[in-house]
C-alpha atoms as a PDB file:
ATOM      1  CA  UNK A   1      11.425 -18.965 -15.534  1.00  0.00           C
ATOM      2  CA  UNK A   2       8.136 -16.959 -16.579  1.00  0.00           C
ATOM      3  CA  UNK A   3       6.247 -20.555 -16.284  1.00  0.00           C
ATOM      4  CA  UNK A   4       7.346 -21.122 -12.940  1.00  0.00           C
ATOM      5  CA  UNK A   5       6.447 -17.269 -12.041  1.00  0.00           C
ATOM      6  CA  UNK A   6       3.064 -18.093 -13.591  1.00  0.00           C
ATOM      7  CA  UNK A   7       2.455 -21.307 -11.434  1.00  0.00           C
ATOM      8  CA  UNK A   8       3.788 -19.353  -8.347  1.00  0.00           C
ATOM      9  CA  UNK A   9       0.944 -16.775  -9.019  1.00  0.00           C
ATOM     10  CA  UNK A  10      -2.116 -19.344  -9.569  1.00  0.00           C
ATOM     11  CA  UNK A  11      -1.098 -20.658  -6.580  1.00  0.00           C
ATOM     12  CA  UNK A  12      -1.101 -17.742  -4.437  1.00  0.00           C
ATOM     13  CA  UNK A  13      -4.476 -16.835  -6.130  1.00  0.00           C
ATOM     14  CA  UNK A  14      -5.996 -20.284  -5.432  1.00  0.00           C
ATOM     15  CA  UNK A  15      -4.907 -20.114  -1.751  1.00  0.00           C
ATOM     16  CA  UNK A  16      -5.950 -16.226  -0.890  1.00  0.00           C
ATOM     17  CA  UNK A  17      -8.869 -15.656   1.255  1.00  0.00           C
ATOM     18  CA  UNK A  18     -12.025 -15.249  -0.083  1.00  0.00           C
ATOM     19  CA  UNK A  19     -13.385 -11.469  -0.506  1.00  0.00           C
ATOM     20  CA  UNK A  20     -16.260 -10.406   1.563  1.00  0.00           C
ATOM     21  CA  UNK A  21     -19.461  -9.280  -0.108  1.00  0.00           C
ATOM     22  CA  UNK A  22     -18.231  -6.153  -0.029  1.00  0.00           C
ATOM     23  CA  UNK A  23     -14.952  -6.745  -1.284  1.00  0.00           C
ATOM     24  CA  UNK A  24     -16.761  -8.925  -4.309  1.00  0.00           C
ATOM     25  CA  UNK A  25     -18.245  -5.710  -5.096  1.00  0.00           C
ATOM     26  CA  UNK A  26     -15.375  -3.513  -4.815  1.00  0.00           C
ATOM     27  CA  UNK A  27     -13.097  -6.090  -7.294  1.00  0.00           C
ATOM     28  CA  UNK A  28     -15.912  -6.238  -9.708  1.00  0.00           C
ATOM     29  CA  UNK A  29     -15.758  -2.629 -10.092  1.00  0.00           C
ATOM     30  CA  UNK A  30     -12.281  -2.598 -10.260  1.00  0.00           C
ATOM     31  CA  UNK A  31     -12.438  -4.834 -13.230  1.00  0.00           C
ATOM     32  CA  UNK A  32     -14.960  -3.375 -14.819  1.00  0.00           C
ATOM     33  CA  UNK A  33     -13.219   0.037 -14.753  1.00  0.00           C
ATOM     34  CA  UNK A  34      -9.591  -0.720 -14.907  1.00  0.00           C
ATOM     35  CA  UNK A  35      -8.899   0.861 -11.570  1.00  0.00           C
ATOM     36  CA  UNK A  36      -6.109  -1.310  -9.834  1.00  0.00           C
ATOM     37  CA  UNK A  37      -6.620  -2.779  -6.331  1.00  0.00           C
ATOM     38  CA  UNK A  38      -3.771  -4.927  -4.377  1.00  0.00           C
ATOM     39  CA  UNK A  39      -5.921  -7.860  -4.387  1.00  0.00           C
ATOM     40  CA  UNK A  40      -6.973 -10.356  -1.999  1.00  0.00           C
ATOM     41  CA  UNK A  41      -3.206 -12.086  -2.123  1.00  0.00           C
ATOM     42  CA  UNK A  42      -1.691  -8.858  -1.082  1.00  0.00           C
ATOM     43  CA  UNK A  43      -5.060  -8.043   0.986  1.00  0.00           C
ATOM     44  CA  UNK A  44      -4.126 -11.222   3.248  1.00  0.00           C
ATOM     45  CA  UNK A  45      -0.806  -9.668   4.144  1.00  0.00           C
ATOM     46  CA  UNK A  46      -2.491  -6.442   5.133  1.00  0.00           C
ATOM     47  CA  UNK A  47      -4.700  -8.550   7.277  1.00  0.00           C
ATOM     48  CA  UNK A  48      -1.851 -10.595   8.928  1.00  0.00           C
ATOM     49  CA  UNK A  49      -0.112  -7.106   9.788  1.00  0.00           C
ATOM     50  CA  UNK A  50      -3.267  -5.788  11.284  1.00  0.00           C
ATOM     51  CA  UNK A  51      -3.568  -8.570  13.610  1.00  0.00           C
ATOM     52  CA  UNK A  52       0.344  -8.972  14.517  1.00  0.00           C
ATOM     53  CA  UNK A  53       0.737  -4.674  15.460  1.00  0.00           C
ATOM     54  CA  UNK A  54      -2.712  -5.364  17.272  1.00  0.00           C
ATOM     55  CA  UNK A  55      -3.300  -2.010  15.146  1.00  0.00           C
ATOM     56  CA  UNK A  56      -5.733   0.853  16.472  1.00  0.00           C
ATOM     57  CA  UNK A  57      -4.893   3.374  13.800  1.00  0.00           C
ATOM     58  CA  UNK A  58      -4.041   3.164   9.911  1.00  0.00           C
ATOM     59  CA  UNK A  59      -3.057   5.722   7.523  1.00  0.00           C
ATOM     60  CA  UNK A  60      -3.211   5.079   3.961  1.00  0.00           C
ATOM     61  CA  UNK A  61      -1.725   7.369   1.231  1.00  0.00           C
ATOM     62  CA  UNK A  62      -4.017   6.603  -1.840  1.00  0.00           C
ATOM     63  CA  UNK A  63      -7.060   4.540  -1.157  1.00  0.00           C
ATOM     64  CA  UNK A  64      -9.194   4.640  -4.318  1.00  0.00           C
ATOM     65  CA  UNK A  65     -12.520   3.619  -3.045  1.00  0.00           C
ATOM     66  CA  UNK A  66     -11.246   1.674   0.251  1.00  0.00           C
ATOM     67  CA  UNK A  67     -10.345  -1.696  -1.167  1.00  0.00           C
ATOM     68  CA  UNK A  68      -7.111  -2.086   0.954  1.00  0.00           C
ATOM     69  CA  UNK A  69      -8.706  -0.303   4.068  1.00  0.00           C
ATOM     70  CA  UNK A  70     -11.168  -3.120   4.488  1.00  0.00           C
ATOM     71  CA  UNK A  71      -8.424  -5.838   4.766  1.00  0.00           C
ATOM     72  CA  UNK A  72      -6.740  -3.841   7.345  1.00  0.00           C
ATOM     73  CA  UNK A  73     -10.110  -3.863   9.176  1.00  0.00           C
ATOM     74  CA  UNK A  74     -10.509  -7.540   8.373  1.00  0.00           C
ATOM     75  CA  UNK A  75      -7.302  -7.707  10.426  1.00  0.00           C
ATOM     76  CA  UNK A  76      -8.702  -6.140  13.711  1.00  0.00           C
ATOM     77  CA  UNK A  77      -8.088  -2.465  13.104  1.00  0.00           C
ATOM     78  CA  UNK A  78      -9.789   0.259  14.856  1.00  0.00           C
ATOM     79  CA  UNK A  79      -9.615   2.894  12.353  1.00  0.00           C
ATOM     80  CA  UNK A  80      -8.406   3.591   8.855  1.00  0.00           C
ATOM     81  CA  UNK A  81      -7.959   6.839   7.392  1.00  0.00           C
ATOM     82  CA  UNK A  82      -8.057   7.058   3.785  1.00  0.00           C
ATOM     83  CA  UNK A  83      -7.122   9.719   1.331  1.00  0.00           C
ATOM     84  CA  UNK A  84      -8.224  10.166  -2.285  1.00  0.00           C
ATOM     85  CA  UNK A  85      -7.230  12.854  -4.699  1.00  0.00           C
ATOM     86  CA  UNK A  86     -10.756  12.061  -6.805  1.00  0.00           C
ATOM     87  CA  UNK A  87     -13.649  13.066  -5.034  1.00  0.00           C
ATOM     88  CA  UNK A  88     -15.900  10.577  -6.990  1.00  0.00           C
ATOM     89  CA  UNK A  89     -13.671   7.501  -6.334  1.00  0.00           C
ATOM     90  CA  UNK A  90     -14.074   8.645  -2.375  1.00  0.00           C
ATOM     91  CA  UNK A  91     -17.723   9.049  -2.520  1.00  0.00           C
ATOM     92  CA  UNK A  92     -17.451   5.665  -3.811  1.00  0.00           C
ATOM     93  CA  UNK A  93     -15.385   4.385  -0.701  1.00  0.00           C
ATOM     94  CA  UNK A  94     -18.000   6.065   1.581  1.00  0.00           C
ATOM     95  CA  UNK A  95     -20.997   4.346  -0.016  1.00  0.00           C
ATOM     96  CA  UNK A  96     -19.113   1.101   0.069  1.00  0.00           C
ATOM     97  CA  UNK A  97     -18.348   1.522   3.807  1.00  0.00           C
ATOM     98  CA  UNK A  98     -22.152   2.437   4.380  1.00  0.00           C
ATOM     99  CA  UNK A  99     -23.433  -0.528   2.711  1.00  0.00           C
ATOM    100  CA  UNK A 100     -20.934  -2.794   4.214  1.00  0.00           C
ATOM    101  CA  UNK A 101     -21.546  -1.588   7.701  1.00  0.00           C
ATOM    102  CA  UNK A 102     -17.906  -0.343   8.629  1.00  0.00           C
ATOM    103  CA  UNK A 103     -18.479   3.297   8.085  1.00  0.00           C
ATOM    104  CA  UNK A 104     -17.684   4.433  11.433  1.00  0.00           C
ATOM    105  CA  UNK A 105     -14.376   2.614  11.177  1.00  0.00           C
ATOM    106  CA  UNK A 106     -12.823   4.564   7.989  1.00  0.00           C
ATOM    107  CA  UNK A 107     -12.773   8.422   6.942  1.00  0.00           C
ATOM    108  CA  UNK A 108     -11.979   9.564   3.351  1.00  0.00           C
ATOM    109  CA  UNK A 109      -9.848  12.858   3.143  1.00  0.00           C
ATOM    110  CA  UNK A 110     -10.494  13.943  -0.258  1.00  0.00           C
ATOM    111  CA  UNK A 111      -7.169  16.020  -1.913  1.00  0.00           C
ATOM    112  CA  UNK A 112      -3.653  15.620  -1.665  1.00  0.00           C
ATOM    113  CA  UNK A 113      -2.504  12.805   1.078  1.00  0.00           C
ATOM    114  CA  UNK A 114       0.880  14.713   1.378  1.00  0.00           C
ATOM    115  CA  UNK A 115      -1.242  17.490   2.642  1.00  0.00           C
ATOM    116  CA  UNK A 116      -3.703  15.326   4.528  1.00  0.00           C
ATOM    117  CA  UNK A 117      -1.091  13.922   6.905  1.00  0.00           C
ATOM    118  CA  UNK A 118      -0.076  17.166   8.271  1.00  0.00           C
ATOM    119  CA  UNK A 119      -3.496  16.973   9.655  1.00  0.00           C
ATOM    120  CA  UNK A 120      -3.063  14.162  11.848  1.00  0.00           C
ATOM    121  CA  UNK A 121      -1.006  13.385  14.964  1.00  0.00           C
ATOM    122  CA  UNK A 122       0.624   9.755  15.343  1.00  0.00           C
ATOM    123  CA  UNK A 123       1.445   7.532  16.418  1.00  0.00           C
ATOM    124  CA  UNK A 124       0.197   5.517  13.662  1.00  0.00           C
ATOM    125  CA  UNK A 125       0.236   1.559  14.005  1.00  0.00           C
ATOM    126  CA  UNK A 126       0.430   1.008  10.361  1.00  0.00           C
ATOM    127  CA  UNK A 127       1.152   3.012   6.921  1.00  0.00           C
ATOM    128  CA  UNK A 128       0.239   2.096   3.706  1.00  0.00           C
ATOM    129  CA  UNK A 129       2.292   4.045   0.749  1.00  0.00           C
ATOM    130  CA  UNK A 130       0.292   3.847  -2.451  1.00  0.00           C
ATOM    131  CA  UNK A 131      -0.074   6.860  -4.379  1.00  0.00           C
ATOM    132  CA  UNK A 132       2.210   8.517  -6.924  1.00  0.00           C
ATOM    133  CA  UNK A 133       5.021   6.412  -6.863  1.00  0.00           C
ATOM    134  CA  UNK A 134       7.422   9.813  -7.521  1.00  0.00           C
ATOM    135  CA  UNK A 135       6.376  10.971  -3.962  1.00  0.00           C
ATOM    136  CA  UNK A 136       6.795   7.443  -2.145  1.00  0.00           C
ATOM    137  CA  UNK A 137      10.311   8.514  -0.355  1.00  0.00           C
ATOM    138  CA  UNK A 138       8.818  11.752   0.557  1.00  0.00           C
ATOM    139  CA  UNK A 139       5.589  10.147   2.231  1.00  0.00           C
ATOM    140  CA  UNK A 140       7.904   7.816   4.125  1.00  0.00           C
ATOM    141  CA  UNK A 141      10.164  10.551   5.549  1.00  0.00           C
ATOM    142  CA  UNK A 142       7.402  12.707   6.073  1.00  0.00           C
ATOM    143  CA  UNK A 143       5.230   9.913   8.217  1.00  0.00           C
ATOM    144  CA  UNK A 144       8.106   7.717  10.078  1.00  0.00           C
ATOM    145  CA  UNK A 145       7.996  10.097  13.074  1.00  0.00           C
ATOM    146  CA  UNK A 146       4.214   9.700  13.677  1.00  0.00           C
ATOM    147  CA  UNK A 147       4.561   5.637  13.241  1.00  0.00           C
ATOM    148  CA  UNK A 148       5.088   4.028  16.692  1.00  0.00           C
ATOM    149  CA  UNK A 149       8.106   1.896  17.488  1.00  0.00           C
ATOM    150  CA  UNK A 150       7.329  -1.539  15.978  1.00  0.00           C
ATOM    151  CA  UNK A 151       4.734  -0.165  13.921  1.00  0.00           C
ATOM    152  CA  UNK A 152       4.421  -1.016   9.998  1.00  0.00           C
ATOM    153  CA  UNK A 153       5.064   0.822   6.791  1.00  0.00           C
ATOM    154  CA  UNK A 154       3.677  -0.880   3.727  1.00  0.00           C
ATOM    155  CA  UNK A 155       4.871   0.269   0.579  1.00  0.00           C
ATOM    156  CA  UNK A 156       2.824  -1.193  -2.708  1.00  0.00           C
ATOM    157  CA  UNK A 157       3.700  -1.686  -6.468  1.00  0.00           C
ATOM    158  CA  UNK A 158       7.341  -2.648  -5.708  1.00  0.00           C
ATOM    159  CA  UNK A 159       7.987  -5.429  -8.289  1.00  0.00           C
ATOM    160  CA  UNK A 160       5.060  -4.928 -10.613  1.00  0.00           C
ATOM    161  CA  UNK A 161       3.077  -1.950 -11.817  1.00  0.00           C
ATOM    162  CA  UNK A 162       4.072   1.187 -13.685  1.00  0.00           C
ATOM    163  CA  UNK A 163       8.066   0.658 -12.979  1.00  0.00           C
ATOM    164  CA  UNK A 164      10.238  -0.822 -14.869  1.00  0.00           C
ATOM    165  CA  UNK A 165      11.753  -4.004 -12.516  1.00  0.00           C
ATOM    166  CA  UNK A 166      14.802  -4.631 -15.000  1.00  0.00           C
ATOM    167  CA  UNK A 167      15.998  -0.916 -14.596  1.00  0.00           C
ATOM    168  CA  UNK A 168      15.604  -1.475 -10.539  1.00  0.00           C
ATOM    169  CA  UNK A 169      17.455  -4.942 -10.870  1.00  0.00           C
ATOM    170  CA  UNK A 170      20.234  -3.279 -12.812  1.00  0.00           C
ATOM    171  CA  UNK A 171      20.408  -0.352 -10.089  1.00  0.00           C
ATOM    172  CA  UNK A 172      20.239  -2.862  -6.882  1.00  0.00           C
ATOM    173  CA  UNK A 173      22.494  -5.430  -8.545  1.00  0.00           C
ATOM    174  CA  UNK A 174      25.183  -3.648 -10.440  1.00  0.00           C
ATOM    175  CA  UNK A 175      24.773   0.319  -9.377  1.00  0.00           C
ATOM    176  CA  UNK A 176      23.503   1.666 -12.222  1.00  0.00           C
ATOM    177  CA  UNK A 177      21.898   4.940 -12.096  1.00  0.00           C
ATOM    178  CA  UNK A 178      18.108   5.370 -11.902  1.00  0.00           C
ATOM    179  CA  UNK A 179      16.275   6.775 -14.846  1.00  0.00           C
ATOM    180  CA  UNK A 180      16.362  10.620 -14.882  1.00  0.00           C
ATOM    181  CA  UNK A 181      13.034  11.798 -13.378  1.00  0.00           C
ATOM    182  CA  UNK A 182      12.124  13.425 -16.335  1.00  0.00           C
ATOM    183  CA  UNK A 183      12.150   9.891 -18.490  1.00  0.00           C
ATOM    184  CA  UNK A 184      10.830   7.663 -16.033  1.00  0.00           C
ATOM    185  CA  UNK A 185       9.972   9.054 -12.621  1.00  0.00           C
ATOM    186  CA  UNK A 186       7.828   6.110 -11.527  1.00  0.00           C
ATOM    187  CA  UNK A 187      10.743   3.804 -11.600  1.00  0.00           C
ATOM    188  CA  UNK A 188      12.971   6.161  -9.984  1.00  0.00           C
ATOM    189  CA  UNK A 189      10.563   6.793  -7.695  1.00  0.00           C
ATOM    190  CA  UNK A 190      10.310   3.094  -6.572  1.00  0.00           C
ATOM    191  CA  UNK A 191      13.995   2.949  -6.597  1.00  0.00           C
ATOM    192  CA  UNK A 192      14.606   5.678  -4.379  1.00  0.00           C
ATOM    193  CA  UNK A 193      11.767   4.482  -2.005  1.00  0.00           C
ATOM    194  CA  UNK A 194      13.346   1.041  -1.651  1.00  0.00           C
ATOM    195  CA  UNK A 195      17.125   2.533  -1.445  1.00  0.00           C
ATOM    196  CA  UNK A 196      15.728   4.821   1.718  1.00  0.00           C
ATOM    197  CA  UNK A 197      14.195   2.035   3.343  1.00  0.00           C
ATOM    198  CA  UNK A 198      17.087  -0.152   2.946  1.00  0.00           C
ATOM    199  CA  UNK A 199      19.684   2.270   4.090  1.00  0.00           C
ATOM    200  CA  UNK A 200      17.324   3.698   7.144  1.00  0.00           C
ATOM    201  CA  UNK A 201      18.638   2.036  10.787  1.00  0.00           C
ATOM    202  CA  UNK A 202      15.016   2.838  12.369  1.00  0.00           C
ATOM    203  CA  UNK A 203      13.503   0.576  10.279  1.00  0.00           C
ATOM    204  CA  UNK A 204      14.134  -3.171   9.445  1.00  0.00           C
ATOM    205  CA  UNK A 205      12.429  -4.154   5.669  1.00  0.00           C
ATOM    206  CA  UNK A 206      11.826  -7.003   3.552  1.00  0.00           C
ATOM    207  CA  UNK A 207      10.542  -7.412   0.157  1.00  0.00           C
ATOM    208  CA  UNK A 208       7.211  -9.657  -0.659  1.00  0.00           C
ATOM    209  CA  UNK A 209       6.688 -11.018  -4.136  1.00  0.00           C
ATOM    210  CA  UNK A 210       2.863 -10.896  -3.317  1.00  0.00           C
ATOM    211  CA  UNK A 211       0.531  -9.003  -5.312  1.00  0.00           C
ATOM    212  CA  UNK A 212       2.224  -6.233  -7.263  1.00  0.00           C
ATOM    213  CA  UNK A 213       5.018  -6.563  -4.603  1.00  0.00           C
ATOM    214  CA  UNK A 214       5.241  -5.272  -1.121  1.00  0.00           C
ATOM    215  CA  UNK A 215       7.819  -3.272   1.022  1.00  0.00           C
ATOM    216  CA  UNK A 216       7.384  -4.071   4.397  1.00  0.00           C
ATOM    217  CA  UNK A 217       9.271  -1.831   6.783  1.00  0.00           C
ATOM    218  CA  UNK A 218       8.966  -2.061  10.583  1.00  0.00           C
ATOM    219  CA  UNK A 219       9.724   0.811  12.703  1.00  0.00           C
ATOM    220  CA  UNK A 220      12.831  -0.475  15.094  1.00  0.00           C
ATOM    221  CA  UNK A 221      13.692   2.602  17.089  1.00  0.00           C
END
């Protein structure tokens, strides 16, 4: 099974879209600094979703230096609102945007993404949730009313990253309790998020095992 999974990951990586010059610089910085980015496999999904929804406005909970935003823009999105708690990371994002020629299409909000979203009215065509895992479900509940019907909410790090996948499998297969938030808040946060979107009739959700795993929810009402 591990060999098959490794082969699948290699296949997905080998067939992912090529980086633009700016994205290649971003990926190199991420490699050098150990900063997590979604990568081109998941980026291709973001690009496709932007194209399929004819995205105008995108909001991101957690952007780093704006790598994921470039995929939305490659899919034709008009504007991406990026949020980043680390001011230096946001400054890097602004510089990348200037160097890459897309400064007019992105805006960086420095600080808490949950506070930033309150300053924006909808509708949004796409929302990306990629900040503190413990706050995923709160971000979803806060932003859902601002997403148009037919719009999409994407959450990253669903199958890989800081959470314990074995605990998540046990919860959804056998009903085992999620970890105590004081013990493993990240796993609990991912589990609560998946449970929330799966039980909400306002959206239809699919989990995609690309990159670190994406939960893609389309708003249907």
